Amino acid sequence: MKTTIALSSALAALALAGCVVAPVRPAYVAPAYVAPPGVVYVAPTYAIPGPGYVWAYHAHYGWGWHHPQYGWHRGWQ
């Protein structure tokens, strides 16, 4: 009985030895945004307009949604 348990434990350890996998990382992790010196952070006032937008500070208009490819939401320049 003990040899059967020991043998099955050894076989299980051998079978699972190559199955250790690192956890999956997200494809993109945006860095935490830090407001420029002297600027107070303001939380978003409306929902994110689409995937890829980040809440960022605009020097003229203040806080808003910005996309790296499409630019500022609501047409800011």
Protein backbone atom coordinates (compact mmCIF):
# COMPACT_ATOMS: atom_id res chain seq x y z
CA MET A 1 0.00 0.00 0.00
CA LYS A 2 2.78 2.42 0.96
CA THR A 3 4.74 1.67 -2.20
CA THR A 4 1.66 2.35 -4.34
CA ILE A 5 1.16 5.77 -2.69
CA ALA A 6 4.85 6.60 -2.98
CA LEU A 7 4.92 5.51 -6.63
CA SER A 8 1.80 7.51 -7.52
CA SER A 9 3.20 10.57 -5.73
CA ALA A 10 6.48 10.28 -7.61
CA LEU A 11 4.68 9.90 -10.96
CA ALA A 12 2.47 12.91 -10.20
CA ALA A 13 5.53 15.00 -9.31
CA LEU A 14 7.23 14.01 -12.57
CA ALA A 15 4.11 14.68 -14.63
CA LEU A 16 3.57 18.12 -13.13
CA ALA A 17 7.23 19.18 -13.09
CA GLY A 18 7.02 20.88 -16.49
CA CYS A 19 3.63 22.50 -15.88
CA VAL A 20 4.76 25.40 -13.74
CA VAL A 21 3.82 28.58 -15.60
CA ALA A 22 4.41 32.22 -14.78
CA PRO A 23 1.25 34.30 -14.26
CA VAL A 24 -0.07 36.13 -17.30
CA ARG A 25 0.72 39.82 -17.39
CA PRO A 26 -1.68 42.35 -18.91
CA ALA A 27 -0.79 43.39 -22.45
CA TYR A 28 -0.59 47.09 -21.54
CA VAL A 29 -0.30 48.70 -18.16
CA ALA A 30 -0.46 52.48 -18.22
CA PRO A 31 1.87 54.19 -15.79
CA ALA A 32 0.27 56.07 -12.94
CA TYR A 33 -0.22 59.67 -14.05
CA VAL A 34 1.32 62.35 -11.89
CA ALA A 35 0.01 65.90 -12.16
CA PRO A 36 2.56 68.62 -13.00
CA PRO A 37 3.82 70.74 -10.07
CA GLY A 38 1.20 73.22 -8.89
CA VAL A 39 -1.70 71.39 -10.59
CA VAL A 40 -4.46 69.84 -8.49
CA TYR A 41 -5.74 66.46 -9.65
CA VAL A 42 -9.41 66.43 -10.66
CA ALA A 43 -11.27 63.13 -11.01
CA PRO A 44 -13.04 62.36 -14.30
CA THR A 45 -16.48 63.93 -14.58
CA TYR A 46 -17.78 61.59 -17.28
CA ALA A 47 -17.18 58.01 -18.43
CA ILE A 48 -14.18 57.01 -20.51
CA PRO A 49 -15.06 57.58 -24.19
CA GLY A 50 -13.42 54.35 -25.41
CA PRO A 51 -10.57 51.89 -24.95
CA GLY A 52 -7.10 53.39 -24.85
CA TYR A 53 -8.06 56.76 -23.39
CA VAL A 54 -6.30 57.99 -20.23
CA TRP A 55 -7.23 60.83 -17.90
CA ALA A 56 -4.52 63.46 -18.42
CA TYR A 57 -3.83 67.16 -17.93
CA HIS A 58 -4.04 69.63 -20.84
CA ALA A 59 -2.12 72.88 -20.32
CA HIS A 60 -4.92 75.10 -21.68
CA TYR A 61 -8.17 73.20 -21.01
CA GLY A 62 -7.31 71.34 -17.80
CA TRP A 63 -8.16 67.68 -17.22
CA GLY A 64 -9.62 65.49 -19.96
CA TRP A 65 -9.46 62.18 -21.81
CA HIS A 66 -6.47 61.68 -24.12
CA HIS A 67 -5.77 58.86 -26.57
CA PRO A 68 -2.20 58.35 -27.85
CA GLN A 69 -3.40 57.85 -31.46
CA TYR A 70 -6.59 59.97 -31.68
CA GLY A 71 -5.60 62.85 -29.42
CA TRP A 72 -7.89 64.69 -27.03
CA HIS A 73 -11.53 63.79 -26.69
CA ARG A 74 -13.87 66.64 -27.62
CA GLY A 75 -11.37 68.00 -30.16
CA TRP A 76 -8.92 69.85 -27.98
CA GLN A 77 -5.69 70.81 -29.77
